[in-house]
Amino acid sequence: MTELQQHQEICRDFANLLSYPDDHVKEQAAACAAHMQGVSPEAGTALQSFLDFIETNDFSRIEEAFTGTFDLQSLCHPYVGYQLCGESQQRTMFMLKLRELYQQYDFVSGNELPDHLAEVLRFVGSITDQDCRLEIIQDGILPTLEKITQGIEGDNHPYVALLYALQSFLIETAKPDTERLPEDRQKECLS
């Protein structure tokens, strides 16, 4: 497996874990942890905390944690456009651009809005265009993860561990462009 294929697979693993949990969440978390071995030690450590939560709780508790985190806390809504632009016309334009991009790469999104973090990760996990992948990670996913993790109350929250694992993985493997400031990214979204 190439480095790109491995990166894509792990992005899809995280997409599964950031979707509403289903009966396969324990297997999905274990698969993600297995794929992470040797790729990003820091991300693997954070992911282990999430995996421990998944393995020691029943399904209803996992659902409750997911819903309480992403559905009930407005600061943590898992929508890239919402986190970057707020509930505005710019978010609508952002989603339209995402749909165009999805069509350009023949990506078929699921039932969520196109800017849902899981859908964006699935997209990144399905394309090979390195420039497009890096732009979405640098300008969309990483700033979104930063905002969501700041919005979640409590560092020992299981989904904080998952988000930190994803953030560490992307920073370590996608090599974000550190020359561009977050303010520049925000301006692009609002222009």
N, C-alpha and C. Protein backbone atom coordinates (compact mmCIF):
# COMPACT_ATOMS: atom_id res chain seq x y z
N MET A 1 0.84 -1.18 0.00
CA MET A 1 0.00 0.00 0.00
C MET A 1 0.89 1.24 0.00
N THR A 2 0.59 2.20 -0.87
CA THR A 2 1.37 3.43 -0.94
C THR A 2 1.02 4.33 0.24
N GLU A 3 1.84 5.34 0.44
CA GLU A 3 1.60 6.32 1.50
C GLU A 3 0.27 7.05 1.26
N LEU A 4 0.00 7.39 0.01
CA LEU A 4 -1.26 8.06 -0.33
C LEU A 4 -2.45 7.16 -0.01
N GLN A 5 -2.39 5.91 -0.41
CA GLN A 5 -3.49 4.99 -0.14
C GLN A 5 -3.71 4.81 1.36
N GLN A 6 -2.63 4.75 2.10
CA GLN A 6 -2.73 4.62 3.56
C GLN A 6 -3.39 5.87 4.15
N HIS A 7 -2.99 7.04 3.69
CA HIS A 7 -3.57 8.29 4.16
C HIS A 7 -5.06 8.35 3.82
N GLN A 8 -5.40 7.95 2.63
CA GLN A 8 -6.81 7.94 2.22
C GLN A 8 -7.63 7.01 3.11
N GLU A 9 -7.09 5.82 3.36
CA GLU A 9 -7.80 4.84 4.17
C GLU A 9 -8.04 5.37 5.59
N ILE A 10 -7.04 6.01 6.17
CA ILE A 10 -7.20 6.55 7.52
C ILE A 10 -8.19 7.71 7.52
N CYS A 11 -8.19 8.54 6.49
CA CYS A 11 -9.20 9.61 6.40
C CYS A 11 -10.60 9.02 6.35
N ARG A 12 -10.78 7.94 5.61
CA ARG A 12 -12.09 7.28 5.56
C ARG A 12 -12.45 6.65 6.90
N ASP A 13 -11.44 6.10 7.60
CA ASP A 13 -11.68 5.57 8.94
C ASP A 13 -12.22 6.66 9.87
N PHE A 14 -11.56 7.81 9.86
CA PHE A 14 -12.02 8.92 10.70
C PHE A 14 -13.40 9.40 10.28
N ALA A 15 -13.68 9.38 8.98
CA ALA A 15 -15.01 9.76 8.50
C ALA A 15 -16.07 8.85 9.11
N ASN A 16 -15.80 7.56 9.14
CA ASN A 16 -16.74 6.62 9.76
C ASN A 16 -16.96 6.94 11.23
N LEU A 17 -15.90 7.26 11.94
CA LEU A 17 -16.00 7.52 13.37
C LEU A 17 -16.65 8.87 13.68
N LEU A 18 -16.65 9.78 12.72
CA LEU A 18 -17.28 11.08 12.91
C LEU A 18 -18.67 11.14 12.31
N SER A 19 -19.15 10.02 11.83
CA SER A 19 -20.54 9.88 11.40
C SER A 19 -21.33 9.39 12.60
N TYR A 20 -22.65 9.51 12.51
CA TYR A 20 -23.47 9.03 13.61
C TYR A 20 -23.16 7.55 13.85
N PRO A 21 -22.89 7.16 15.09
CA PRO A 21 -22.48 5.77 15.36
C PRO A 21 -23.53 4.75 14.94
N ASP A 22 -23.03 3.62 14.47
CA ASP A 22 -23.91 2.49 14.15
C ASP A 22 -23.38 1.25 14.85
N ASP A 23 -23.94 0.10 14.56
CA ASP A 23 -23.56 -1.14 15.22
C ASP A 23 -22.10 -1.54 14.98
N HIS A 24 -21.45 -0.91 14.02
CA HIS A 24 -20.08 -1.28 13.66
C HIS A 24 -19.04 -0.34 14.25
N VAL A 25 -19.43 0.55 15.14
CA VAL A 25 -18.52 1.57 15.64
C VAL A 25 -17.30 0.97 16.34
N LYS A 26 -17.49 -0.12 17.05
CA LYS A 26 -16.34 -0.74 17.74
C LYS A 26 -15.34 -1.30 16.74
N GLU A 27 -15.84 -1.95 15.70
CA GLU A 27 -14.95 -2.49 14.67
C GLU A 27 -14.27 -1.35 13.90
N GLN A 28 -15.01 -0.27 13.64
CA GLN A 28 -14.45 0.87 12.92
C GLN A 28 -13.34 1.53 13.73
N ALA A 29 -13.56 1.68 15.03
CA ALA A 29 -12.53 2.29 15.89
C ALA A 29 -11.30 1.41 15.95
N ALA A 30 -11.49 0.11 16.07
CA ALA A 30 -10.36 -0.81 16.10
C ALA A 30 -9.59 -0.80 14.78
N ALA A 31 -10.31 -0.74 13.66
CA ALA A 31 -9.66 -0.68 12.35
C ALA A 31 -8.85 0.60 12.21
N CYS A 32 -9.40 1.71 12.65
CA CYS A 32 -8.68 2.98 12.57
C CYS A 32 -7.41 2.92 13.40
N ALA A 33 -7.50 2.38 14.61
CA ALA A 33 -6.33 2.25 15.47
C ALA A 33 -5.28 1.35 14.83
N ALA A 34 -5.72 0.27 14.21
CA ALA A 34 -4.78 -0.65 13.55
C ALA A 34 -4.09 0.04 12.37
N HIS A 35 -4.84 0.79 11.58
CA HIS A 35 -4.26 1.49 10.44
C HIS A 35 -3.31 2.59 10.87
N MET A 36 -3.55 3.13 12.07
CA MET A 36 -2.74 4.25 12.58
C MET A 36 -1.37 3.77 13.08
N GLN A 37 -1.24 2.50 13.44
CA GLN A 37 0.01 2.00 13.99
C GLN A 37 1.17 2.28 13.04
N GLY A 38 2.19 2.89 13.56
CA GLY A 38 3.37 3.18 12.78
C GLY A 38 3.26 4.40 11.89
N VAL A 39 2.07 4.97 11.77
CA VAL A 39 1.89 6.14 10.90
C VAL A 39 2.09 7.43 11.68
N SER A 40 1.43 7.53 12.81
CA SER A 40 1.49 8.74 13.63
C SER A 40 1.37 8.35 15.10
N PRO A 41 2.48 8.21 15.80
CA PRO A 41 2.44 7.79 17.20
C PRO A 41 1.58 8.71 18.09
N GLU A 42 1.70 10.01 17.90
CA GLU A 42 0.92 10.95 18.71
C GLU A 42 -0.58 10.77 18.47
N ALA A 43 -0.96 10.64 17.23
CA ALA A 43 -2.37 10.41 16.90
C ALA A 43 -2.82 9.05 17.43
N GLY A 44 -1.96 8.06 17.36
CA GLY A 44 -2.30 6.74 17.87
C GLY A 44 -2.58 6.75 19.36
N THR A 45 -1.81 7.52 20.11
CA THR A 45 -2.03 7.64 21.55
C THR A 45 -3.38 8.27 21.85
N ALA A 46 -3.70 9.36 21.16
CA ALA A 46 -5.00 10.02 21.36
C ALA A 46 -6.14 9.10 20.94
N LEU A 47 -5.94 8.39 19.86
CA LEU A 47 -6.98 7.48 19.35
C LEU A 47 -7.23 6.34 20.33
N GLN A 48 -6.18 5.91 21.03
CA GLN A 48 -6.34 4.82 22.00
C GLN A 48 -7.32 5.21 23.10
N SER A 49 -7.29 6.45 23.51
CA SER A 49 -8.23 6.93 24.53
C SER A 49 -9.67 6.82 24.03
N PHE A 50 -9.89 7.19 22.79
CA PHE A 50 -11.23 7.07 22.20
C PHE A 50 -11.62 5.59 22.07
N LEU A 51 -10.68 4.77 21.65
CA LEU A 51 -10.94 3.34 21.50
C LEU A 51 -11.31 2.72 22.85
N ASP A 52 -10.63 3.14 23.92
CA ASP A 52 -10.96 2.64 25.27
C ASP A 52 -12.40 2.99 25.62
N PHE A 53 -12.82 4.21 25.30
CA PHE A 53 -14.20 4.63 25.56
C PHE A 53 -15.18 3.75 24.78
N ILE A 54 -14.90 3.54 23.51
CA ILE A 54 -15.78 2.74 22.66
C ILE A 54 -15.89 1.31 23.18
N GLU A 55 -14.76 0.73 23.57
CA GLU A 55 -14.75 -0.66 24.01
C GLU A 55 -15.39 -0.88 25.37
N THR A 56 -15.42 0.15 26.22
CA THR A 56 -15.93 -0.03 27.59
C THR A 56 -17.34 0.51 27.81
N ASN A 57 -17.97 1.01 26.77
CA ASN A 57 -19.32 1.56 26.92
C ASN A 57 -20.28 0.85 25.97
N ASP A 58 -21.53 0.83 26.40
CA ASP A 58 -22.53 0.22 25.53
C ASP A 58 -22.93 1.21 24.43
N PHE A 59 -23.62 0.70 23.45
CA PHE A 59 -23.95 1.49 22.27
C PHE A 59 -24.76 2.74 22.60
N SER A 60 -25.69 2.63 23.54
CA SER A 60 -26.52 3.80 23.87
C SER A 60 -25.67 4.92 24.47
N ARG A 61 -24.65 4.59 25.24
CA ARG A 61 -23.76 5.62 25.82
C ARG A 61 -22.92 6.26 24.72
N ILE A 62 -22.50 5.48 23.74
CA ILE A 62 -21.72 6.02 22.63
C ILE A 62 -22.59 6.99 21.82
N GLU A 63 -23.82 6.59 21.54
CA GLU A 63 -24.76 7.48 20.83
C GLU A 63 -24.99 8.77 21.61
N GLU A 64 -25.17 8.63 22.91
CA GLU A 64 -25.42 9.79 23.77
C GLU A 64 -24.23 10.75 23.74
N ALA A 65 -23.02 10.22 23.80
CA ALA A 65 -21.83 11.06 23.75
C ALA A 65 -21.71 11.77 22.41
N PHE A 66 -22.00 11.06 21.32
CA PHE A 66 -21.93 11.66 19.99
C PHE A 66 -22.95 12.79 19.85
N THR A 67 -24.19 12.50 20.19
CA THR A 67 -25.27 13.49 20.07
C THR A 67 -25.01 14.69 20.97
N GLY A 68 -24.60 14.42 22.21
CA GLY A 68 -24.33 15.51 23.15
C GLY A 68 -23.20 16.40 22.70
N THR A 69 -22.29 15.83 21.96
CA THR A 69 -21.14 16.60 21.48
C THR A 69 -21.47 17.39 20.21
N PHE A 70 -21.91 16.69 19.18
CA PHE A 70 -22.01 17.31 17.87
C PHE A 70 -23.38 17.88 17.53
N ASP A 71 -24.42 17.39 18.15
CA ASP A 71 -25.76 17.88 17.82
C ASP A 71 -26.27 18.94 18.79
N LEU A 72 -25.89 18.83 20.05
CA LEU A 72 -26.45 19.72 21.07
C LEU A 72 -25.57 20.90 21.44
N GLN A 73 -24.31 20.87 21.08
CA GLN A 73 -23.40 21.98 21.37
C GLN A 73 -23.14 22.75 20.08
N SER A 74 -23.67 23.94 20.00
CA SER A 74 -23.56 24.70 18.74
C SER A 74 -22.11 25.02 18.36
N LEU A 75 -21.23 25.12 19.34
CA LEU A 75 -19.82 25.38 19.03
C LEU A 75 -19.13 24.17 18.40
N CYS A 76 -19.79 23.02 18.47
CA CYS A 76 -19.16 21.78 18.01
C CYS A 76 -19.84 21.16 16.80
N HIS A 77 -20.74 21.87 16.16
CA HIS A 77 -21.39 21.29 14.98
C HIS A 77 -20.31 20.86 13.97
N PRO A 78 -20.39 19.64 13.48
CA PRO A 78 -19.32 19.10 12.62
C PRO A 78 -19.45 19.48 11.15
N TYR A 79 -19.64 20.75 10.90
CA TYR A 79 -19.80 21.25 9.53
C TYR A 79 -18.68 22.23 9.24
N VAL A 80 -17.85 21.91 8.26
CA VAL A 80 -16.70 22.74 7.92
C VAL A 80 -17.15 24.16 7.55
N GLY A 81 -18.14 24.28 6.69
CA GLY A 81 -18.61 25.60 6.28
C GLY A 81 -19.16 26.41 7.44
N TYR A 82 -19.88 25.76 8.33
CA TYR A 82 -20.43 26.44 9.51
C TYR A 82 -19.29 26.94 10.40
N GLN A 83 -18.29 26.10 10.61
CA GLN A 83 -17.18 26.49 11.49
C GLN A 83 -16.34 27.62 10.88
N LEU A 84 -16.22 27.64 9.57
CA LEU A 84 -15.40 28.67 8.91
C LEU A 84 -16.16 29.96 8.66
N CYS A 85 -17.45 29.85 8.33
CA CYS A 85 -18.21 31.01 7.85
C CYS A 85 -19.41 31.35 8.72
N GLY A 86 -19.76 30.50 9.67
CA GLY A 86 -20.99 30.71 10.43
C GLY A 86 -22.19 30.35 9.57
N GLU A 87 -23.35 30.64 10.09
CA GLU A 87 -24.59 30.37 9.35
C GLU A 87 -24.84 31.60 8.48
N SER A 88 -24.29 31.59 7.28
CA SER A 88 -24.31 32.77 6.43
C SER A 88 -24.41 32.38 4.96
N GLN A 89 -24.52 33.40 4.14
CA GLN A 89 -24.52 33.20 2.70
C GLN A 89 -23.19 32.59 2.24
N GLN A 90 -22.10 32.95 2.93
CA GLN A 90 -20.79 32.41 2.58
C GLN A 90 -20.76 30.89 2.77
N ARG A 91 -21.45 30.41 3.82
CA ARG A 91 -21.51 28.95 4.01
C ARG A 91 -22.25 28.30 2.85
N THR A 92 -23.34 28.93 2.42
CA THR A 92 -24.09 28.39 1.29
C THR A 92 -23.21 28.32 0.05
N MET A 93 -22.45 29.38 -0.20
CA MET A 93 -21.54 29.39 -1.35
C MET A 93 -20.46 28.32 -1.19
N PHE A 94 -19.97 28.16 0.03
CA PHE A 94 -18.97 27.14 0.31
C PHE A 94 -19.52 25.74 -0.02
N MET A 95 -20.76 25.48 0.39
CA MET A 95 -21.36 24.17 0.11
C MET A 95 -21.58 23.96 -1.38
N LEU A 96 -21.95 25.02 -2.09
CA LEU A 96 -22.12 24.90 -3.54
C LEU A 96 -20.78 24.57 -4.21
N LYS A 97 -19.72 25.22 -3.76
CA LYS A 97 -18.39 24.95 -4.31
C LYS A 97 -17.97 23.52 -4.00
N LEU A 98 -18.28 23.06 -2.78
CA LEU A 98 -17.97 21.66 -2.45
C LEU A 98 -18.70 20.70 -3.37
N ARG A 99 -19.99 20.96 -3.61
CA ARG A 99 -20.76 20.09 -4.50
C ARG A 99 -20.15 20.05 -5.90
N GLU A 100 -19.72 21.21 -6.38
CA GLU A 100 -19.07 21.27 -7.69
C GLU A 100 -17.78 20.45 -7.69
N LEU A 101 -17.02 20.58 -6.62
CA LEU A 101 -15.78 19.83 -6.49
C LEU A 101 -16.06 18.34 -6.42
N TYR A 102 -17.08 17.95 -5.67
CA TYR A 102 -17.45 16.54 -5.59
C TYR A 102 -17.82 16.00 -6.97
N GLN A 103 -18.58 16.78 -7.73
CA GLN A 103 -18.95 16.35 -9.07
C GLN A 103 -17.74 16.25 -9.98
N GLN A 104 -16.85 17.21 -9.88
CA GLN A 104 -15.64 17.22 -10.69
C GLN A 104 -14.83 15.93 -10.50
N TYR A 105 -14.80 15.43 -9.28
CA TYR A 105 -14.03 14.22 -8.98
C TYR A 105 -14.91 12.96 -8.90
N ASP A 106 -16.14 13.06 -9.37
CA ASP A 106 -17.08 11.93 -9.38
C ASP A 106 -17.26 11.32 -7.99
N PHE A 107 -17.28 12.17 -6.98
CA PHE A 107 -17.49 11.72 -5.61
C PHE A 107 -18.98 11.81 -5.29
N VAL A 108 -19.53 10.73 -4.79
CA VAL A 108 -20.94 10.70 -4.41
C VAL A 108 -21.00 10.78 -2.89
N SER A 109 -21.55 11.89 -2.39
CA SER A 109 -21.63 12.07 -0.95
C SER A 109 -22.82 11.30 -0.39
N GLY A 110 -22.81 11.15 0.92
CA GLY A 110 -23.87 10.42 1.60
C GLY A 110 -25.06 11.29 1.91
N ASN A 111 -25.71 11.00 3.02
CA ASN A 111 -26.94 11.68 3.40
C ASN A 111 -26.72 13.01 4.11
N GLU A 112 -25.51 13.30 4.51
CA GLU A 112 -25.22 14.54 5.23
C GLU A 112 -25.05 15.70 4.24
N LEU A 113 -25.07 16.91 4.79
CA LEU A 113 -24.76 18.08 3.97
C LEU A 113 -23.33 17.96 3.47
N PRO A 114 -23.01 18.58 2.34
CA PRO A 114 -21.68 18.40 1.76
C PRO A 114 -20.54 18.90 2.64
N ASP A 115 -20.82 19.82 3.56
CA ASP A 115 -19.74 20.34 4.40
C ASP A 115 -19.60 19.60 5.73
N HIS A 116 -20.37 18.52 5.93
CA HIS A 116 -20.21 17.72 7.14
C HIS A 116 -18.79 17.16 7.16
N LEU A 117 -18.15 17.23 8.31
CA LEU A 117 -16.76 16.81 8.44
C LEU A 117 -16.54 15.40 7.93
N ALA A 118 -17.47 14.50 8.20
CA ALA A 118 -17.33 13.11 7.72
C ALA A 118 -17.36 13.06 6.19
N GLU A 119 -18.23 13.83 5.56
CA GLU A 119 -18.29 13.84 4.09
C GLU A 119 -17.01 14.41 3.49
N VAL A 120 -16.50 15.48 4.09
CA VAL A 120 -15.27 16.10 3.58
C VAL A 120 -14.10 15.11 3.74
N LEU A 121 -14.05 14.40 4.87
CA LEU A 121 -12.99 13.41 5.05
C LEU A 121 -13.12 12.25 4.06
N ARG A 122 -14.34 11.83 3.79
CA ARG A 122 -14.54 10.76 2.78
C ARG A 122 -14.04 11.23 1.41
N PHE A 123 -14.33 12.49 1.10
CA PHE A 123 -13.87 13.05 -0.17
C PHE A 123 -12.34 13.04 -0.22
N VAL A 124 -11.71 13.57 0.82
CA VAL A 124 -10.24 13.59 0.88
C VAL A 124 -9.69 12.17 0.79
N GLY A 125 -10.43 11.22 1.35
CA GLY A 125 -10.01 9.83 1.31
C GLY A 125 -10.31 9.12 0.01
N SER A 126 -10.88 9.84 -0.95
CA SER A 126 -11.22 9.19 -2.22
C SER A 126 -10.49 9.77 -3.43
N ILE A 127 -9.85 10.91 -3.27
CA ILE A 127 -9.19 11.54 -4.42
C ILE A 127 -7.68 11.43 -4.30
N THR A 128 -7.01 11.52 -5.44
CA THR A 128 -5.55 11.44 -5.46
C THR A 128 -4.89 12.78 -5.74
N ASP A 129 -5.66 13.79 -6.12
CA ASP A 129 -5.11 15.11 -6.42
C ASP A 129 -4.53 15.71 -5.13
N GLN A 130 -3.20 15.68 -5.04
CA GLN A 130 -2.53 16.10 -3.81
C GLN A 130 -2.78 17.57 -3.48
N ASP A 131 -2.78 18.45 -4.47
CA ASP A 131 -3.01 19.87 -4.21
C ASP A 131 -4.41 20.10 -3.64
N CYS A 132 -5.39 19.45 -4.22
CA CYS A 132 -6.77 19.58 -3.74
C CYS A 132 -6.89 19.03 -2.33
N ARG A 133 -6.32 17.87 -2.09
CA ARG A 133 -6.38 17.25 -0.76
C ARG A 133 -5.75 18.17 0.28
N LEU A 134 -4.56 18.68 0.00
CA LEU A 134 -3.87 19.54 0.96
C LEU A 134 -4.63 20.84 1.21
N GLU A 135 -5.20 21.41 0.16
CA GLU A 135 -5.95 22.65 0.34
C GLU A 135 -7.16 22.44 1.26
N ILE A 136 -7.86 21.35 1.06
CA ILE A 136 -9.03 21.07 1.89
C ILE A 136 -8.60 20.80 3.33
N ILE A 137 -7.52 20.06 3.50
CA ILE A 137 -7.04 19.77 4.86
C ILE A 137 -6.57 21.05 5.54
N GLN A 138 -5.73 21.82 4.88
CA GLN A 138 -5.15 23.03 5.47
C GLN A 138 -6.16 24.13 5.70
N ASP A 139 -7.00 24.37 4.71
CA ASP A 139 -7.90 25.53 4.77
C ASP A 139 -9.28 25.20 5.31
N GLY A 140 -9.60 23.92 5.40
CA GLY A 140 -10.93 23.55 5.86
C GLY A 140 -10.94 22.68 7.10
N ILE A 141 -10.35 21.50 7.00
CA ILE A 141 -10.46 20.53 8.08
C ILE A 141 -9.70 20.97 9.33
N LEU A 142 -8.43 21.37 9.19
CA LEU A 142 -7.66 21.73 10.38
C LEU A 142 -8.24 22.93 11.13
N PRO A 143 -8.63 24.01 10.45
CA PRO A 143 -9.26 25.11 11.21
C PRO A 143 -10.57 24.68 11.86
N THR A 144 -11.31 23.81 11.21
CA THR A 144 -12.56 23.30 11.77
C THR A 144 -12.29 22.49 13.03
N LEU A 145 -11.32 21.61 12.98
CA LEU A 145 -10.98 20.80 14.14
C LEU A 145 -10.55 21.68 15.31
N GLU A 146 -9.81 22.72 15.02
CA GLU A 146 -9.37 23.64 16.07
C GLU A 146 -10.57 24.28 16.76
N LYS A 147 -11.52 24.74 15.99
CA LYS A 147 -12.71 25.38 16.56
C LYS A 147 -13.57 24.38 17.35
N ILE A 148 -13.76 23.20 16.80
CA ILE A 148 -14.60 22.22 17.49
C ILE A 148 -13.96 21.79 18.81
N THR A 149 -12.67 21.51 18.80
CA THR A 149 -12.03 21.06 20.03
C THR A 149 -12.04 22.15 21.10
N GLN A 150 -11.99 23.39 20.69
CA GLN A 150 -12.09 24.48 21.66
C GLN A 150 -13.50 24.57 22.24
N GLY A 151 -14.50 24.14 21.47
CA GLY A 151 -15.89 24.24 21.91
C GLY A 151 -16.34 23.12 22.82
N ILE A 152 -15.63 21.98 22.79
CA ILE A 152 -16.03 20.85 23.63
C ILE A 152 -15.54 21.08 25.05
N GLU A 153 -16.45 20.89 25.99
CA GLU A 153 -16.11 21.08 27.39
C GLU A 153 -15.45 19.82 27.94
N GLY A 154 -14.27 19.98 28.53
CA GLY A 154 -13.59 18.88 29.18
C GLY A 154 -12.59 18.19 28.28
N ASP A 155 -11.34 18.17 28.69
CA ASP A 155 -10.28 17.52 27.91
C ASP A 155 -10.39 16.01 27.91
N ASN A 156 -11.10 15.44 28.89
CA ASN A 156 -11.20 13.99 28.94
C ASN A 156 -12.44 13.47 28.21
N HIS A 157 -13.08 14.31 27.47
CA HIS A 157 -14.25 13.91 26.68
C HIS A 157 -13.78 12.96 25.58
N PRO A 158 -14.50 11.85 25.36
CA PRO A 158 -14.02 10.86 24.37
C PRO A 158 -13.89 11.41 22.96
N TYR A 159 -14.78 12.32 22.56
CA TYR A 159 -14.68 12.83 21.20
C TYR A 159 -13.58 13.87 21.05
N VAL A 160 -13.14 14.47 22.15
CA VAL A 160 -11.96 15.34 22.08
C VAL A 160 -10.76 14.49 21.69
N ALA A 161 -10.66 13.30 22.29
CA ALA A 161 -9.54 12.41 21.95
C ALA A 161 -9.57 12.04 20.47
N LEU A 162 -10.75 11.74 19.94
CA LEU A 162 -10.85 11.39 18.52
C LEU A 162 -10.46 12.58 17.65
N LEU A 163 -10.93 13.76 17.98
CA LEU A 163 -10.62 14.95 17.19
C LEU A 163 -9.13 15.30 17.27
N TYR A 164 -8.54 15.15 18.45
CA TYR A 164 -7.10 15.38 18.60
C TYR A 164 -6.31 14.36 17.78
N ALA A 165 -6.77 13.13 17.77
CA ALA A 165 -6.09 12.10 16.97
C ALA A 165 -6.12 12.47 15.50
N LEU A 166 -7.28 12.89 15.01
CA LEU A 166 -7.40 13.29 13.60
C LEU A 166 -6.52 14.51 13.33
N GLN A 167 -6.58 15.48 14.21
CA GLN A 167 -5.78 16.69 14.04
C GLN A 167 -4.28 16.35 14.00
N SER A 168 -3.81 15.54 14.94
CA SER A 168 -2.40 15.14 14.97
C SER A 168 -2.00 14.40 13.71
N PHE A 169 -2.85 13.47 13.31
CA PHE A 169 -2.59 12.70 12.09
C PHE A 169 -2.45 13.62 10.88
N LEU A 170 -3.39 14.54 10.71
CA LEU A 170 -3.35 15.42 9.54
C LEU A 170 -2.16 16.37 9.58
N ILE A 171 -1.85 16.91 10.74
CA ILE A 171 -0.71 17.82 10.85
C ILE A 171 0.58 17.08 10.53
N GLU A 172 0.71 15.87 11.05
CA GLU A 172 1.93 15.10 10.86
C GLU A 172 2.08 14.57 9.44
N THR A 173 0.98 14.20 8.81
CA THR A 173 1.08 13.54 7.51
C THR A 173 0.78 14.44 6.32
N ALA A 174 0.01 15.49 6.52
CA ALA A 174 -0.34 16.35 5.39
C ALA A 174 0.60 17.52 5.23
N LYS A 175 1.44 17.74 6.19
CA LYS A 175 2.42 18.83 6.14
C LYS A 175 1.78 20.15 5.74
N PRO A 176 0.91 20.71 6.62
CA PRO A 176 0.24 21.96 6.27
C PRO A 176 1.23 23.10 6.04
N ASP A 177 0.83 24.00 5.19
CA ASP A 177 1.62 25.17 4.85
C ASP A 177 1.57 26.15 6.02
N THR A 178 2.68 26.31 6.73
CA THR A 178 2.70 27.16 7.92
C THR A 178 2.89 28.64 7.57
N GLU A 179 3.13 28.93 6.32
CA GLU A 179 3.33 30.33 5.95
C GLU A 179 2.02 31.12 5.90
N ARG A 180 0.91 30.45 5.67
CA ARG A 180 -0.38 31.12 5.60
C ARG A 180 -1.00 31.16 6.98
N LEU A 181 -1.47 32.29 7.36
CA LEU A 181 -2.06 32.46 8.68
C LEU A 181 -3.54 32.08 8.66
N PRO A 182 -4.08 31.63 9.79
CA PRO A 182 -5.51 31.30 9.85
C PRO A 182 -6.40 32.47 9.44
N GLU A 183 -5.95 33.70 9.72
CA GLU A 183 -6.75 34.87 9.33
C GLU A 183 -6.91 34.95 7.82
N ASP A 184 -5.85 34.55 7.08
CA ASP A 184 -5.92 34.55 5.62
C ASP A 184 -6.97 33.58 5.14
N ARG A 185 -7.05 32.42 5.79
CA ARG A 185 -8.05 31.42 5.41
C ARG A 185 -9.45 31.95 5.65
N GLN A 186 -9.64 32.62 6.78
CA GLN A 186 -10.97 33.16 7.10
C GLN A 186 -11.36 34.22 6.06
N LYS A 187 -10.42 35.06 5.67
CA LYS A 187 -10.73 36.08 4.68
C LYS A 187 -11.15 35.48 3.35
N GLU A 188 -10.48 34.37 2.95
CA GLU A 188 -10.84 33.71 1.70
C GLU A 188 -12.28 33.23 1.74
N CYS A 189 -12.68 32.69 2.85
CA CYS A 189 -14.03 32.16 2.99
C CYS A 189 -15.05 33.29 2.88
N LEU A 190 -14.72 34.41 3.45
CA LEU A 190 -15.69 35.51 3.49
C LEU A 190 -15.66 36.38 2.25
N SER A 191 -14.72 36.14 1.36
CA SER A 191 -14.66 37.01 0.17
C SER A 191 -15.53 36.49 -0.95
